[in-house]
Amino acid sequence: MKGDFGQLMMQALKLQESFERMQEELASIEKVGEAGGGAVTVTMTGQFIVRSVKIDPALMEKDAEALQKLIAVAVNGAIRQVAAQTMGQVSGTGLMPPVPLGGPV
């Protein structure tokens, strides 16, 4: 009985260490979502933190609604890329991914 508990604790420790390593790796990853043929780009870390948003100055002269849609598409593209990367790293660890893949664009 005592050996089972010790083995369980070792597995929990290994899982925690694996999770911490994965978090560090994800913090260093950056993915870019684009819209409008690259007119809007969003760079996001593996922890879903937006690092930058770049907008072609020519888009500033157009209507705000079109620009808002392009920004949303770029952000969603970056989210999908980060989520796919996260799913790839999480598979095999037994941990659940932080967000589901898919959803509206």
Protein backbone atom coordinates (compact mmCIF):
# COMPACT_ATOMS: atom_id res chain seq x y z
CA MET A 1 0.00 0.00 0.00
CA LYS A 2 2.82 2.37 0.95
CA GLY A 3 4.61 1.66 -2.35
CA ASP A 4 1.49 2.49 -4.36
CA PHE A 5 1.22 5.91 -2.74
CA GLY A 6 4.89 6.64 -3.33
CA GLN A 7 4.56 5.62 -6.97
CA LEU A 8 1.48 7.81 -7.35
CA MET A 9 3.35 10.78 -5.87
CA MET A 10 6.26 10.24 -8.27
CA GLN A 11 3.86 10.19 -11.23
CA ALA A 12 2.23 13.41 -9.99
CA LEU A 13 5.64 15.07 -9.66
CA LYS A 14 6.65 14.01 -13.17
CA LEU A 15 3.36 15.32 -14.54
CA GLN A 16 3.85 18.65 -12.77
CA GLU A 17 7.40 18.97 -14.11
CA SER A 18 6.17 18.15 -17.61
CA PHE A 19 3.45 20.78 -17.33
CA GLU A 20 5.90 23.44 -16.12
CA ARG A 21 8.31 22.66 -19.00
CA MET A 22 5.45 22.88 -21.49
CA GLN A 23 4.36 26.27 -20.06
CA GLU A 24 7.90 27.61 -20.47
CA GLU A 25 8.06 26.36 -24.05
CA LEU A 26 4.68 27.86 -24.91
CA ALA A 27 5.73 31.23 -23.50
CA SER A 28 8.58 31.37 -26.02
CA ILE A 29 6.47 30.40 -29.07
CA GLU A 30 5.02 33.12 -31.31
CA LYS A 31 2.44 32.56 -34.04
CA VAL A 32 1.14 35.08 -36.58
CA GLY A 33 -2.41 35.37 -37.83
CA GLU A 34 -3.05 37.34 -41.05
CA ALA A 35 -6.01 38.83 -42.85
CA GLY A 36 -6.49 40.81 -46.03
CA GLY A 37 -3.47 39.22 -47.69
CA GLY A 38 -1.18 40.33 -44.86
CA ALA A 39 -2.69 43.81 -44.53
CA VAL A 40 -3.46 42.98 -40.88
CA THR A 41 -1.17 40.75 -38.82
CA VAL A 42 -1.44 39.69 -35.20
CA THR A 43 1.46 38.08 -33.34
CA MET A 44 0.48 35.96 -30.34
CA THR A 45 2.49 33.90 -27.84
CA GLY A 46 1.82 30.28 -27.01
CA GLN A 47 0.09 31.54 -23.88
CA PHE A 48 -2.45 33.49 -25.98
CA ILE A 49 -0.91 36.89 -25.25
CA VAL A 50 -1.05 39.31 -28.19
CA ARG A 51 2.43 40.75 -28.74
CA SER A 52 1.67 43.00 -31.70
CA VAL A 53 -0.98 44.11 -34.16
CA LYS A 54 0.17 45.55 -37.47
CA ILE A 55 -2.22 47.32 -39.83
CA ASP A 56 -1.39 48.52 -43.33
CA PRO A 57 -1.84 52.33 -43.20
CA ALA A 58 -3.95 52.21 -46.37
CA LEU A 59 -6.62 50.35 -44.38
CA MET A 60 -6.98 53.28 -42.01
CA GLU A 61 -8.64 55.24 -44.81
CA LYS A 62 -11.33 52.59 -45.27
CA ASP A 63 -14.44 52.05 -43.19
CA ALA A 64 -13.97 50.95 -39.59
CA GLU A 65 -16.25 47.91 -39.91
CA ALA A 66 -14.06 46.32 -42.60
CA LEU A 67 -10.95 46.94 -40.50
CA GLN A 68 -12.60 45.45 -37.42
CA LYS A 69 -13.48 42.30 -39.35
CA LEU A 70 -9.91 41.95 -40.64
CA ILE A 71 -8.52 42.33 -37.12
CA ALA A 72 -10.93 39.68 -35.83
CA VAL A 73 -9.94 37.27 -38.62
CA ALA A 74 -6.22 37.82 -37.88
CA VAL A 75 -6.68 37.31 -34.12
CA ASN A 76 -8.73 34.16 -34.67
CA GLY A 77 -6.07 32.85 -37.07
CA ALA A 78 -3.37 33.37 -34.45
CA ILE A 79 -5.53 31.67 -31.81
CA ARG A 80 -6.03 28.64 -34.07
CA GLN A 81 -2.28 28.37 -34.68
CA VAL A 82 -1.43 28.63 -30.99
CA ALA A 83 -4.16 26.13 -30.09
CA ALA A 84 -2.88 23.67 -32.69
CA GLN A 85 0.66 24.04 -31.32
CA THR A 86 -0.63 23.58 -27.78
CA MET A 87 -2.59 20.47 -28.75
CA GLY A 88 0.54 19.02 -30.32
CA GLN A 89 2.57 19.59 -27.18
CA VAL A 90 -0.17 18.46 -24.80
CA SER A 91 -0.89 15.17 -26.57
CA GLY A 92 0.83 12.41 -24.72
CA THR A 93 1.13 14.29 -21.43
CA GLY A 94 -2.36 13.49 -20.16
CA LEU A 95 -3.04 17.19 -19.66
CA MET A 96 -6.07 18.93 -21.11
CA PRO A 97 -5.50 21.75 -23.65
CA PRO A 98 -6.34 25.30 -22.45
CA VAL A 99 -8.86 26.04 -25.23
CA PRO A 100 -10.83 24.02 -27.75
CA LEU A 101 -9.92 24.19 -31.43
CA GLY A 102 -12.46 25.50 -33.90
CA GLY A 103 -15.22 28.02 -33.47
CA PRO A 104 -16.36 30.91 -35.61
CA VAL A 105 -13.94 33.02 -37.60
